[in-house]
Structures are given as structure tokens and as C-alpha cells.
Amino acid sequence: MGESNGGEVSSVAARGDDFREMLAKMFEENFRRFEENSRITNEKLEYIAEVIGRRVETVEVQIKELDKKVQSVDEKFLSHDHRATNLEKKISELEIKGGPVRVPDNTLKIKPPVFDGSTSFNVFKLQFETVASRNSWNDSDKAVALLLALKGSAADVIQYLSLLETTMKMLLLHWNVSTVANINETSTLWN
């Protein structure tokens, strides 16, 4: 019986050694798998970090481009704002010099009436001033238009004006509208 105990002990010891060896192999296999999985996970993480890094670089480049565009828009806005301020200043200066400024409506230019004496001068004057206002003429424009509107004996008055006196005010002053009833009377005054 003693021998059988010794045999059993050595058999149990051998099985224990086998068990330890089996456990060691399992541990080594699991450790190898763990290391392999860790290596694969690290490679994947490195790849993801690389992809994210490239995307971050791309986004940074796009942000820089957008910043440049925003800066360009800001500069254009400031330029337009400066131009608007200058225009407002010029309009203000014009209002101070010559009264309110009317922005011309360039959609339609009305032709001035012709004055040949067949109608009342007051009617012609009213029509002429209406056309001048609608066309946004200044005094120089009015003088040129008035010179061109005079026809026939009404145009004879032009010969009495010097080249320097061809503004609307001078023409009307020389014409002496308040004392002239019609063109026939005007013709007799100048002759």
C-alpha cells in the first residue's frame, strides 16, 4: 500500500506538473494574443491619429483661407464705408454751397421746349424750368439749353450777350422777363 501511495503521489505530482505546464502554455498563448491585439490596436490608433492629424491640418488650412477671405471682405467693406463717408461729405458740402442736392434720374431725359415767340414767354419759362428740374440741370446746363431753345426772332437776343454772360441768370436778366409780354415786344426792345 505504501507503494501505491507513492505512485499516486508521483502521479498527482506529474498531473500537477502537466497542469502547471498547461496553465503556463495557456498564459503564454493569452499573453501572446494580448500583445498581438495591443500591437494591432496601437497600429489602428496610430492610423486614426494620422488621419485626424491630416484632417486637422486640412481644417487649419481652410480656416486660414477663410480668415484671408474674411479679411478681404472686411477691407472691401471698410473701403466702401470710407467711400460712402466721402460721398456723404461731398453731398453735405454741395448742400451747403448750392442748396439741397437732387440725385438725377437718368432713366428719361426730357427735351426742352422751343421758344420762337408764338407762345407766352411765361408759359415757355414754366415749361423750361420744369424740364430743367426733371433733368437735374445746373445753371450751366440751363444756359446751354436756353441758348439752343431760342429760335427765330427770339434768338436775336443772344447777339447782345457776351460769351461770359451765358448763364441762365444773365440771360433772364438781359431778357427782362417781367416787362416783356411776348416775343414780338421783345424783338422791338432789342431792335
N, C-alpha and C. Protein backbone atom coordinates (compact mmCIF):
# COMPACT_ATOMS: atom_id res chain seq x y z
N MET A 1 0.80 -1.15 0.00
CA MET A 1 0.00 0.00 0.00
C MET A 1 0.85 1.23 0.00
N GLY A 2 2.01 1.13 0.59
CA GLY A 2 2.89 2.26 0.61
C GLY A 2 3.37 2.62 -0.76
N GLU A 3 3.51 1.56 -1.54
CA GLU A 3 3.96 1.84 -2.88
C GLU A 3 2.87 2.48 -3.68
N SER A 4 1.69 2.09 -3.43
CA SER A 4 0.60 2.67 -4.19
C SER A 4 0.43 4.13 -3.82
N ASN A 5 0.70 4.47 -2.60
CA ASN A 5 0.62 5.89 -2.20
C ASN A 5 1.70 6.69 -2.89
N GLY A 6 2.85 6.11 -2.95
CA GLY A 6 3.96 6.80 -3.59
C GLY A 6 3.70 6.96 -5.06
N GLY A 7 3.05 5.98 -5.63
CA GLY A 7 2.74 6.05 -7.06
C GLY A 7 1.65 7.06 -7.34
N GLU A 8 0.75 7.06 -6.38
CA GLU A 8 -0.33 8.04 -6.56
C GLU A 8 0.20 9.44 -6.41
N VAL A 9 1.09 9.64 -5.50
CA VAL A 9 1.67 10.98 -5.26
C VAL A 9 2.45 11.38 -6.49
N SER A 10 3.23 10.48 -7.01
CA SER A 10 4.00 10.86 -8.18
C SER A 10 3.08 11.08 -9.38
N SER A 11 1.99 10.32 -9.41
CA SER A 11 1.02 10.53 -10.49
C SER A 11 0.34 11.88 -10.33
N VAL A 12 -0.01 12.22 -9.10
CA VAL A 12 -0.64 13.53 -8.85
C VAL A 12 0.38 14.62 -9.12
N ALA A 13 1.61 14.41 -8.74
CA ALA A 13 2.64 15.42 -8.97
C ALA A 13 2.86 15.59 -10.47
N ALA A 14 2.82 14.47 -11.19
CA ALA A 14 3.01 14.57 -12.63
C ALA A 14 1.84 15.29 -13.26
N ARG A 15 0.65 14.98 -12.74
CA ARG A 15 -0.53 15.69 -13.28
C ARG A 15 -0.46 17.16 -12.91
N GLY A 16 0.04 17.48 -11.72
CA GLY A 16 0.20 18.86 -11.31
C GLY A 16 1.20 19.60 -12.21
N ASP A 17 2.27 18.87 -12.54
CA ASP A 17 3.26 19.46 -13.44
C ASP A 17 2.64 19.68 -14.83
N ASP A 18 1.88 18.68 -15.25
CA ASP A 18 1.19 18.81 -16.55
C ASP A 18 0.21 19.99 -16.51
N PHE A 19 -0.47 20.08 -15.37
CA PHE A 19 -1.45 21.18 -15.22
C PHE A 19 -0.74 22.54 -15.23
N ARG A 20 0.37 22.60 -14.50
CA ARG A 20 1.15 23.85 -14.49
C ARG A 20 1.67 24.17 -15.88
N GLU A 21 2.14 23.15 -16.54
CA GLU A 21 2.65 23.35 -17.90
C GLU A 21 1.53 23.80 -18.83
N MET A 22 0.38 23.18 -18.67
CA MET A 22 -0.78 23.57 -19.48
C MET A 22 -1.20 25.01 -19.16
N LEU A 23 -1.20 25.35 -17.87
CA LEU A 23 -1.53 26.72 -17.47
C LEU A 23 -0.50 27.71 -18.00
N ALA A 24 0.75 27.35 -17.94
CA ALA A 24 1.82 28.23 -18.44
C ALA A 24 1.66 28.45 -19.94
N LYS A 25 1.36 27.36 -20.67
CA LYS A 25 1.14 27.48 -22.12
C LYS A 25 -0.07 28.36 -22.41
N MET A 26 -1.14 28.15 -21.62
CA MET A 26 -2.34 28.99 -21.82
C MET A 26 -2.03 30.46 -21.52
N PHE A 27 -1.28 30.65 -20.44
CA PHE A 27 -0.90 32.01 -20.07
C PHE A 27 -0.05 32.65 -21.17
N GLU A 28 0.94 31.88 -21.67
CA GLU A 28 1.79 32.39 -22.75
C GLU A 28 0.97 32.68 -24.00
N GLU A 29 0.05 31.79 -24.35
CA GLU A 29 -0.79 31.99 -25.54
C GLU A 29 -1.66 33.23 -25.36
N ASN A 30 -2.28 33.34 -24.18
CA ASN A 30 -3.12 34.52 -23.92
C ASN A 30 -2.29 35.79 -23.91
N PHE A 31 -1.08 35.72 -23.34
CA PHE A 31 -0.20 36.89 -23.33
C PHE A 31 0.21 37.25 -24.75
N ARG A 32 0.53 36.24 -25.59
CA ARG A 32 0.88 36.48 -26.99
C ARG A 32 -0.29 37.13 -27.73
N ARG A 33 -1.50 36.61 -27.50
CA ARG A 33 -2.69 37.20 -28.14
C ARG A 33 -2.90 38.64 -27.66
N PHE A 34 -2.70 38.83 -26.34
CA PHE A 34 -2.85 40.18 -25.79
C PHE A 34 -1.85 41.14 -26.43
N GLU A 35 -0.59 40.70 -26.55
CA GLU A 35 0.42 41.55 -27.19
C GLU A 35 0.06 41.81 -28.64
N GLU A 36 -0.39 40.78 -29.37
CA GLU A 36 -0.78 40.94 -30.78
C GLU A 36 -1.95 41.91 -30.90
N ASN A 37 -2.95 41.73 -30.04
CA ASN A 37 -4.11 42.64 -30.06
C ASN A 37 -3.69 44.07 -29.69
N SER A 38 -2.77 44.19 -28.75
CA SER A 38 -2.27 45.51 -28.36
C SER A 38 -1.54 46.16 -29.53
N ARG A 39 -0.70 45.34 -30.21
CA ARG A 39 0.03 45.86 -31.38
C ARG A 39 -0.96 46.31 -32.46
N ILE A 40 -1.96 45.51 -32.76
CA ILE A 40 -2.97 45.86 -33.79
C ILE A 40 -3.74 47.11 -33.36
N THR A 41 -4.12 47.15 -32.09
CA THR A 41 -4.85 48.33 -31.57
C THR A 41 -3.99 49.57 -31.66
N ASN A 42 -2.71 49.46 -31.31
CA ASN A 42 -1.79 50.60 -31.41
C ASN A 42 -1.63 51.06 -32.85
N GLU A 43 -1.53 50.10 -33.80
CA GLU A 43 -1.43 50.45 -35.22
C GLU A 43 -2.69 51.19 -35.67
N LYS A 44 -3.84 50.67 -35.25
CA LYS A 44 -5.09 51.33 -35.61
C LYS A 44 -5.17 52.73 -35.00
N LEU A 45 -4.75 52.84 -33.75
CA LEU A 45 -4.76 54.16 -33.10
C LEU A 45 -3.80 55.13 -33.79
N GLU A 46 -2.62 54.62 -34.18
CA GLU A 46 -1.66 55.46 -34.89
C GLU A 46 -2.25 55.91 -36.24
N TYR A 47 -2.90 54.97 -36.95
CA TYR A 47 -3.53 55.31 -38.23
C TYR A 47 -4.62 56.37 -38.01
N ILE A 48 -5.46 56.16 -37.00
CA ILE A 48 -6.54 57.12 -36.71
C ILE A 48 -5.95 58.47 -36.34
N ALA A 49 -4.87 58.46 -35.53
CA ALA A 49 -4.21 59.72 -35.15
C ALA A 49 -3.64 60.42 -36.38
N GLU A 50 -3.07 59.63 -37.30
CA GLU A 50 -2.52 60.19 -38.53
C GLU A 50 -3.63 60.80 -39.39
N VAL A 51 -4.74 60.08 -39.54
CA VAL A 51 -5.89 60.59 -40.32
C VAL A 51 -6.43 61.85 -39.67
N ILE A 52 -6.60 61.83 -38.37
CA ILE A 52 -7.10 63.01 -37.66
C ILE A 52 -6.11 64.16 -37.82
N GLY A 53 -4.81 63.87 -37.73
CA GLY A 53 -3.80 64.91 -37.91
C GLY A 53 -3.88 65.56 -39.28
N ARG A 54 -4.04 64.73 -40.32
CA ARG A 54 -4.19 65.27 -41.69
C ARG A 54 -5.46 66.12 -41.81
N ARG A 55 -6.53 65.64 -41.21
CA ARG A 55 -7.79 66.40 -41.27
C ARG A 55 -7.66 67.71 -40.50
N VAL A 56 -6.97 67.67 -39.38
CA VAL A 56 -6.76 68.89 -38.61
C VAL A 56 -5.93 69.88 -39.44
N GLU A 57 -4.90 69.37 -40.12
CA GLU A 57 -4.09 70.24 -40.99
C GLU A 57 -4.94 70.83 -42.10
N THR A 58 -5.79 70.00 -42.71
CA THR A 58 -6.68 70.48 -43.77
C THR A 58 -7.63 71.55 -43.24
N VAL A 59 -8.20 71.30 -42.07
CA VAL A 59 -9.12 72.27 -41.47
C VAL A 59 -8.37 73.56 -41.14
N GLU A 60 -7.15 73.44 -40.63
CA GLU A 60 -6.37 74.64 -40.32
C GLU A 60 -6.09 75.45 -41.58
N VAL A 61 -5.77 74.77 -42.68
CA VAL A 61 -5.54 75.46 -43.96
C VAL A 61 -6.83 76.15 -44.40
N GLN A 62 -7.94 75.45 -44.29
CA GLN A 62 -9.23 76.03 -44.68
C GLN A 62 -9.57 77.23 -43.80
N ILE A 63 -9.27 77.13 -42.51
CA ILE A 63 -9.53 78.25 -41.60
C ILE A 63 -8.68 79.45 -42.00
N LYS A 64 -7.41 79.21 -42.34
CA LYS A 64 -6.53 80.31 -42.78
C LYS A 64 -7.08 80.95 -44.05
N GLU A 65 -7.54 80.12 -45.01
CA GLU A 65 -8.12 80.65 -46.25
C GLU A 65 -9.37 81.47 -45.95
N LEU A 66 -10.22 80.96 -45.05
CA LEU A 66 -11.42 81.70 -44.67
C LEU A 66 -11.06 83.01 -43.97
N ASP A 67 -10.03 82.97 -43.12
CA ASP A 67 -9.58 84.19 -42.47
C ASP A 67 -9.14 85.23 -43.50
N LYS A 68 -8.42 84.77 -44.54
CA LYS A 68 -7.99 85.68 -45.60
C LYS A 68 -9.20 86.26 -46.32
N LYS A 69 -10.18 85.41 -46.60
CA LYS A 69 -11.38 85.89 -47.29
C LYS A 69 -12.15 86.88 -46.41
N VAL A 70 -12.26 86.56 -45.13
CA VAL A 70 -12.95 87.47 -44.20
C VAL A 70 -12.20 88.81 -44.14
N GLN A 71 -10.88 88.73 -44.09
CA GLN A 71 -10.08 89.95 -44.05
C GLN A 71 -10.29 90.75 -45.33
N SER A 72 -10.34 90.07 -46.48
CA SER A 72 -10.58 90.74 -47.75
C SER A 72 -11.95 91.41 -47.76
N VAL A 73 -12.96 90.69 -47.25
CA VAL A 73 -14.31 91.27 -47.19
C VAL A 73 -14.32 92.45 -46.24
N ASP A 74 -13.63 92.32 -45.11
CA ASP A 74 -13.55 93.44 -44.16
C ASP A 74 -12.90 94.65 -44.82
N GLU A 75 -11.80 94.41 -45.56
CA GLU A 75 -11.12 95.51 -46.23
C GLU A 75 -12.03 96.16 -47.27
N LYS A 76 -12.76 95.34 -48.03
CA LYS A 76 -13.68 95.89 -49.03
C LYS A 76 -14.79 96.68 -48.34
N PHE A 77 -15.29 96.12 -47.24
CA PHE A 77 -16.34 96.82 -46.50
C PHE A 77 -15.84 98.16 -46.00
N LEU A 78 -14.64 98.16 -45.43
CA LEU A 78 -14.06 99.42 -44.93
C LEU A 78 -13.84 100.40 -46.08
N SER A 79 -13.41 99.86 -47.23
CA SER A 79 -13.20 100.73 -48.40
C SER A 79 -14.53 101.34 -48.84
N HIS A 80 -15.57 100.50 -48.92
CA HIS A 80 -16.89 101.00 -49.32
C HIS A 80 -17.44 101.97 -48.27
N ASP A 81 -17.21 101.64 -47.00
CA ASP A 81 -17.65 102.52 -45.93
C ASP A 81 -16.95 103.87 -46.02
N HIS A 82 -15.65 103.83 -46.32
CA HIS A 82 -14.88 105.07 -46.48
C HIS A 82 -15.40 105.86 -47.67
N ARG A 83 -15.68 105.15 -48.78
CA ARG A 83 -16.20 105.83 -49.98
C ARG A 83 -17.58 106.43 -49.68
N ALA A 84 -18.42 105.70 -48.94
CA ALA A 84 -19.74 106.22 -48.59
C ALA A 84 -19.61 107.45 -47.71
N THR A 85 -18.67 107.41 -46.78
CA THR A 85 -18.44 108.57 -45.91
C THR A 85 -17.99 109.77 -46.74
N ASN A 86 -17.09 109.53 -47.70
CA ASN A 86 -16.64 110.61 -48.58
C ASN A 86 -17.79 111.17 -49.42
N LEU A 87 -18.64 110.27 -49.93
CA LEU A 87 -19.79 110.73 -50.71
C LEU A 87 -20.74 111.55 -49.84
N GLU A 88 -20.98 111.08 -48.63
CA GLU A 88 -21.85 111.84 -47.72
C GLU A 88 -21.25 113.21 -47.44
N LYS A 89 -19.94 113.27 -47.29
CA LYS A 89 -19.26 114.55 -47.03
C LYS A 89 -19.41 115.47 -48.24
N LYS A 90 -19.20 114.91 -49.45
CA LYS A 90 -19.33 115.71 -50.67
C LYS A 90 -20.77 116.21 -50.85
N ILE A 91 -21.74 115.34 -50.57
CA ILE A 91 -23.14 115.76 -50.67
C ILE A 91 -23.43 116.86 -49.68
N SER A 92 -22.91 116.72 -48.48
CA SER A 92 -23.10 117.74 -47.46
C SER A 92 -22.49 119.06 -47.91
N GLU A 93 -21.29 119.00 -48.50
CA GLU A 93 -20.64 120.21 -49.00
C GLU A 93 -21.47 120.84 -50.12
N LEU A 94 -22.01 120.00 -51.00
CA LEU A 94 -22.83 120.52 -52.09
C LEU A 94 -24.11 121.16 -51.55
N GLU A 95 -24.69 120.55 -50.52
CA GLU A 95 -25.91 121.12 -49.93
C GLU A 95 -25.62 122.48 -49.32
N ILE A 96 -24.44 122.60 -48.71
CA ILE A 96 -24.08 123.88 -48.10
C ILE A 96 -23.86 124.93 -49.19
N LYS A 97 -23.21 124.55 -50.29
CA LYS A 97 -22.89 125.50 -51.36
C LYS A 97 -24.11 125.90 -52.18
N GLY A 98 -24.91 124.94 -52.55
CA GLY A 98 -25.97 125.26 -53.50
C GLY A 98 -27.34 124.76 -53.14
N GLY A 99 -27.62 124.55 -51.90
CA GLY A 99 -28.94 124.06 -51.51
C GLY A 99 -29.00 122.55 -51.61
N PRO A 100 -30.19 122.00 -51.49
CA PRO A 100 -30.33 120.55 -51.50
C PRO A 100 -29.86 119.95 -52.82
N VAL A 101 -29.29 118.77 -52.74
CA VAL A 101 -28.80 118.07 -53.92
C VAL A 101 -29.86 117.09 -54.37
N ARG A 102 -30.18 117.13 -55.63
CA ARG A 102 -31.14 116.19 -56.19
C ARG A 102 -30.36 115.17 -56.99
N VAL A 103 -30.54 113.90 -56.68
CA VAL A 103 -29.87 112.85 -57.42
C VAL A 103 -30.63 112.67 -58.72
N PRO A 104 -29.93 112.80 -59.85
CA PRO A 104 -30.62 112.74 -61.13
C PRO A 104 -31.19 111.36 -61.42
N ASP A 105 -32.33 111.38 -62.05
CA ASP A 105 -32.95 110.15 -62.52
C ASP A 105 -32.61 110.05 -64.00
N ASN A 106 -31.67 109.18 -64.32
CA ASN A 106 -31.17 109.08 -65.69
C ASN A 106 -32.02 108.21 -66.60
N THR A 107 -33.18 107.82 -66.13
CA THR A 107 -33.98 106.92 -66.96
C THR A 107 -34.60 107.64 -68.15
N LEU A 108 -34.89 108.92 -68.00
CA LEU A 108 -35.54 109.64 -69.09
C LEU A 108 -35.09 111.09 -69.07
N LYS A 109 -34.57 111.56 -70.18
CA LYS A 109 -34.21 112.97 -70.33
C LYS A 109 -35.29 113.62 -71.19
N ILE A 110 -35.82 114.71 -70.66
CA ILE A 110 -36.89 115.41 -71.37
C ILE A 110 -36.26 116.52 -72.22
N LYS A 111 -36.72 116.62 -73.43
CA LYS A 111 -36.22 117.63 -74.36
C LYS A 111 -36.82 118.99 -73.98
N PRO A 112 -35.99 120.04 -73.94
CA PRO A 112 -36.52 121.36 -73.57
C PRO A 112 -37.45 121.91 -74.66
N PRO A 113 -38.40 122.77 -74.26
CA PRO A 113 -39.31 123.35 -75.25
C PRO A 113 -38.56 124.38 -76.11
N VAL A 114 -39.13 124.65 -77.27
CA VAL A 114 -38.57 125.66 -78.17
C VAL A 114 -39.36 126.96 -77.96
N PHE A 115 -38.63 128.09 -77.94
CA PHE A 115 -39.31 129.38 -77.81
C PHE A 115 -39.04 130.21 -79.06
N ASP A 116 -40.11 130.43 -79.81
CA ASP A 116 -39.98 131.23 -81.02
C ASP A 116 -40.90 132.44 -81.02
N GLY A 117 -41.58 132.65 -79.92
CA GLY A 117 -42.45 133.81 -79.80
C GLY A 117 -43.90 133.51 -80.08
N SER A 118 -44.24 132.32 -80.51
CA SER A 118 -45.63 132.02 -80.83
C SER A 118 -46.43 131.71 -79.57
N THR A 119 -45.77 131.48 -78.44
CA THR A 119 -46.46 131.25 -77.17
C THR A 119 -45.99 132.29 -76.16
N SER A 120 -46.68 132.34 -75.06
CA SER A 120 -46.32 133.28 -73.99
C SER A 120 -44.96 132.89 -73.41
N PHE A 121 -44.15 133.89 -73.14
CA PHE A 121 -42.85 133.63 -72.55
C PHE A 121 -43.00 132.99 -71.17
N ASN A 122 -44.00 133.42 -70.41
CA ASN A 122 -44.21 132.85 -69.07
C ASN A 122 -44.52 131.35 -69.16
N VAL A 123 -45.29 130.94 -70.17
CA VAL A 123 -45.57 129.52 -70.38
C VAL A 123 -44.26 128.80 -70.72
N PHE A 124 -43.48 129.38 -71.64
CA PHE A 124 -42.19 128.79 -72.01
C PHE A 124 -41.29 128.66 -70.78
N LYS A 125 -41.22 129.72 -69.98
CA LYS A 125 -40.35 129.72 -68.81
C LYS A 125 -40.75 128.61 -67.83
N LEU A 126 -42.06 128.46 -67.59
CA LEU A 126 -42.54 127.42 -66.70
C LEU A 126 -42.17 126.03 -67.25
N GLN A 127 -42.39 125.82 -68.54
CA GLN A 127 -42.04 124.54 -69.17
C GLN A 127 -40.52 124.30 -69.09
N PHE A 128 -39.76 125.34 -69.38
CA PHE A 128 -38.31 125.22 -69.37
C PHE A 128 -37.79 124.86 -67.98
N GLU A 129 -38.28 125.54 -66.95
CA GLU A 129 -37.85 125.27 -65.57
C GLU A 129 -38.27 123.86 -65.14
N THR A 130 -39.44 123.41 -65.58
CA THR A 130 -39.88 122.05 -65.26
C THR A 130 -38.94 121.02 -65.88
N VAL A 131 -38.60 121.22 -67.15
CA VAL A 131 -37.68 120.31 -67.83
C VAL A 131 -36.31 120.36 -67.15
N ALA A 132 -35.83 121.55 -66.81
CA ALA A 132 -34.52 121.69 -66.16
C ALA A 132 -34.50 120.96 -64.82
N SER A 133 -35.58 121.09 -64.07
CA SER A 133 -35.67 120.41 -62.77
C SER A 133 -35.68 118.89 -62.96
N ARG A 134 -36.49 118.41 -63.87
CA ARG A 134 -36.61 116.97 -64.13
C ARG A 134 -35.30 116.38 -64.62
N ASN A 135 -34.56 117.13 -65.43
CA ASN A 135 -33.29 116.65 -65.97
C ASN A 135 -32.11 116.93 -65.04
N SER A 136 -32.38 117.56 -63.89
CA SER A 136 -31.35 117.89 -62.90
C SER A 136 -30.23 118.75 -63.49
N TRP A 137 -30.60 119.78 -64.22
CA TRP A 137 -29.61 120.66 -64.83
C TRP A 137 -29.08 121.65 -63.81
N ASN A 138 -27.80 121.98 -63.91
CA ASN A 138 -27.24 123.09 -63.14
C ASN A 138 -27.37 124.36 -63.99
N ASP A 139 -26.87 125.49 -63.48
CA ASP A 139 -27.03 126.75 -64.22
C ASP A 139 -26.36 126.70 -65.59
N SER A 140 -25.23 126.05 -65.68
CA SER A 140 -24.53 125.97 -66.96
C SER A 140 -25.36 125.16 -67.97
N ASP A 141 -25.92 124.04 -67.51
CA ASP A 141 -26.78 123.22 -68.38
C ASP A 141 -28.00 124.03 -68.84
N LYS A 142 -28.56 124.78 -67.92
CA LYS A 142 -29.74 125.60 -68.26
C LYS A 142 -29.38 126.65 -69.31
N ALA A 143 -28.21 127.27 -69.15
CA ALA A 143 -27.81 128.31 -70.09
C ALA A 143 -27.65 127.74 -71.49
N VAL A 144 -27.00 126.59 -71.59
CA VAL A 144 -26.81 125.96 -72.90
C VAL A 144 -28.16 125.58 -73.49
N ALA A 145 -29.01 124.97 -72.68
CA ALA A 145 -30.33 124.55 -73.18
C ALA A 145 -31.16 125.76 -73.61
N LEU A 146 -31.09 126.86 -72.85
CA LEU A 146 -31.85 128.06 -73.20
C LEU A 146 -31.35 128.65 -74.52
N LEU A 147 -30.04 128.69 -74.68
CA LEU A 147 -29.48 129.20 -75.94
C LEU A 147 -29.97 128.37 -77.12
N LEU A 148 -30.03 127.06 -76.93
CA LEU A 148 -30.46 126.17 -78.02
C LEU A 148 -31.98 126.18 -78.21
N ALA A 149 -32.74 126.58 -77.19
CA ALA A 149 -34.20 126.58 -77.28
C ALA A 149 -34.73 127.82 -77.99
N LEU A 150 -33.93 128.88 -78.05
CA LEU A 150 -34.38 130.11 -78.70
C LEU A 150 -34.29 129.97 -80.21
N LYS A 151 -35.39 130.25 -80.88
CA LYS A 151 -35.46 130.14 -82.34
C LYS A 151 -36.02 131.43 -82.91
N GLY A 152 -35.78 131.64 -84.16
CA GLY A 152 -36.34 132.79 -84.87
C GLY A 152 -35.91 134.11 -84.25
N SER A 153 -36.86 135.04 -84.17
CA SER A 153 -36.54 136.38 -83.66
C SER A 153 -36.20 136.34 -82.17
N ALA A 154 -36.62 135.31 -81.45
CA ALA A 154 -36.28 135.19 -80.04
C ALA A 154 -34.78 134.95 -79.87
N ALA A 155 -34.14 134.33 -80.85
CA ALA A 155 -32.72 134.05 -80.77
C ALA A 155 -31.89 135.31 -81.00
N ASP A 156 -32.51 136.39 -81.51
CA ASP A 156 -31.75 137.62 -81.76
C ASP A 156 -31.17 138.20 -80.48
N VAL A 157 -31.78 137.93 -79.35
CA VAL A 157 -31.30 138.48 -78.09
C VAL A 157 -29.90 137.97 -77.76
N ILE A 158 -29.53 136.80 -78.28
CA ILE A 158 -28.24 136.18 -77.97
C ILE A 158 -27.08 137.06 -78.42
N GLN A 159 -27.27 137.77 -79.51
CA GLN A 159 -26.17 138.59 -80.03
C GLN A 159 -25.76 139.70 -79.08
N TYR A 160 -26.60 140.04 -78.14
CA TYR A 160 -26.29 141.12 -77.21
C TYR A 160 -25.57 140.63 -75.94
N LEU A 161 -25.40 139.36 -75.83
CA LEU A 161 -24.74 138.82 -74.65
C LEU A 161 -23.29 138.45 -74.98
N SER A 162 -22.39 138.74 -74.09
CA SER A 162 -21.00 138.32 -74.29
C SER A 162 -20.91 136.83 -73.96
N LEU A 163 -19.84 136.20 -74.36
CA LEU A 163 -19.67 134.77 -74.09
C LEU A 163 -19.61 134.49 -72.59
N LEU A 164 -19.14 135.44 -71.81
CA LEU A 164 -19.04 135.24 -70.36
C LEU A 164 -20.38 135.37 -69.67
N GLU A 165 -21.40 135.91 -70.33
CA GLU A 165 -22.69 136.14 -69.70
C GLU A 165 -23.74 135.14 -70.16
N THR A 166 -23.34 133.91 -70.37
CA THR A 166 -24.29 132.93 -70.91
C THR A 166 -24.87 132.01 -69.84
N THR A 167 -24.95 132.43 -68.63
CA THR A 167 -25.64 131.62 -67.64
C THR A 167 -27.13 131.92 -67.68
N MET A 168 -27.89 131.07 -67.10
CA MET A 168 -29.35 131.24 -67.11
C MET A 168 -29.75 132.56 -66.48
N LYS A 169 -29.11 132.92 -65.37
CA LYS A 169 -29.49 134.15 -64.67
C LYS A 169 -29.22 135.38 -65.53
N MET A 170 -28.07 135.37 -66.23
CA MET A 170 -27.73 136.52 -67.07
C MET A 170 -28.69 136.62 -68.26
N LEU A 171 -29.04 135.47 -68.84
CA LEU A 171 -29.97 135.50 -69.97
C LEU A 171 -31.32 136.08 -69.53
N LEU A 172 -31.80 135.61 -68.39
CA LEU A 172 -33.10 136.10 -67.92
C LEU A 172 -33.02 137.56 -67.49
N LEU A 173 -31.88 137.97 -66.93
CA LEU A 173 -31.70 139.36 -66.54
C LEU A 173 -31.72 140.26 -67.78
N HIS A 174 -30.95 139.91 -68.80
CA HIS A 174 -30.92 140.70 -70.03
C HIS A 174 -32.27 140.67 -70.75
N TRP A 175 -32.94 139.55 -70.61
CA TRP A 175 -34.21 139.42 -71.30
C TRP A 175 -35.27 140.30 -70.64
N ASN A 176 -35.13 140.52 -69.33
CA ASN A 176 -36.04 141.37 -68.57
C ASN A 176 -37.47 140.85 -68.71
N VAL A 177 -37.66 139.62 -68.24
CA VAL A 177 -38.91 138.89 -68.40
C VAL A 177 -40.10 139.65 -67.82
N SER A 178 -39.92 140.33 -66.73
CA SER A 178 -41.06 140.96 -66.08
C SER A 178 -41.70 142.06 -66.93
N THR A 179 -40.97 142.64 -67.86
CA THR A 179 -41.53 143.72 -68.68
C THR A 179 -41.92 143.27 -70.06
N VAL A 180 -41.62 142.01 -70.39
CA VAL A 180 -41.89 141.53 -71.75
C VAL A 180 -43.14 140.66 -71.73
N ALA A 181 -44.12 140.99 -72.54
CA ALA A 181 -45.36 140.24 -72.59
C ALA A 181 -45.28 139.12 -73.60
N ASN A 182 -44.64 139.32 -74.70
CA ASN A 182 -44.50 138.27 -75.70
C ASN A 182 -43.25 138.52 -76.54
N ILE A 183 -42.96 137.64 -77.43
CA ILE A 183 -41.71 137.73 -78.20
C ILE A 183 -41.72 138.92 -79.15
N ASN A 184 -42.86 139.31 -79.65
CA ASN A 184 -42.90 140.47 -80.55
C ASN A 184 -42.44 141.72 -79.82
N GLU A 185 -42.87 141.87 -78.60
CA GLU A 185 -42.43 143.02 -77.81
C GLU A 185 -40.94 142.93 -77.55
N THR A 186 -40.43 141.70 -77.30
CA THR A 186 -39.00 141.51 -77.05
C THR A 186 -38.21 141.90 -78.29
N SER A 187 -38.70 141.52 -79.45
CA SER A 187 -37.98 141.86 -80.68
C SER A 187 -37.90 143.36 -80.86
N THR A 188 -38.94 144.08 -80.55
CA THR A 188 -38.91 145.53 -80.73
C THR A 188 -38.01 146.19 -79.70
N LEU A 189 -37.84 145.60 -78.50
CA LEU A 189 -36.96 146.17 -77.49
C LEU A 189 -35.50 146.07 -77.92
N TRP A 190 -35.12 144.97 -78.57
CA TRP A 190 -33.73 144.76 -78.95
C TRP A 190 -33.38 145.45 -80.25
N ASN A 191 -34.33 145.80 -81.08
CA ASN A 191 -34.04 146.44 -82.38
C ASN A 191 -33.87 147.92 -82.25
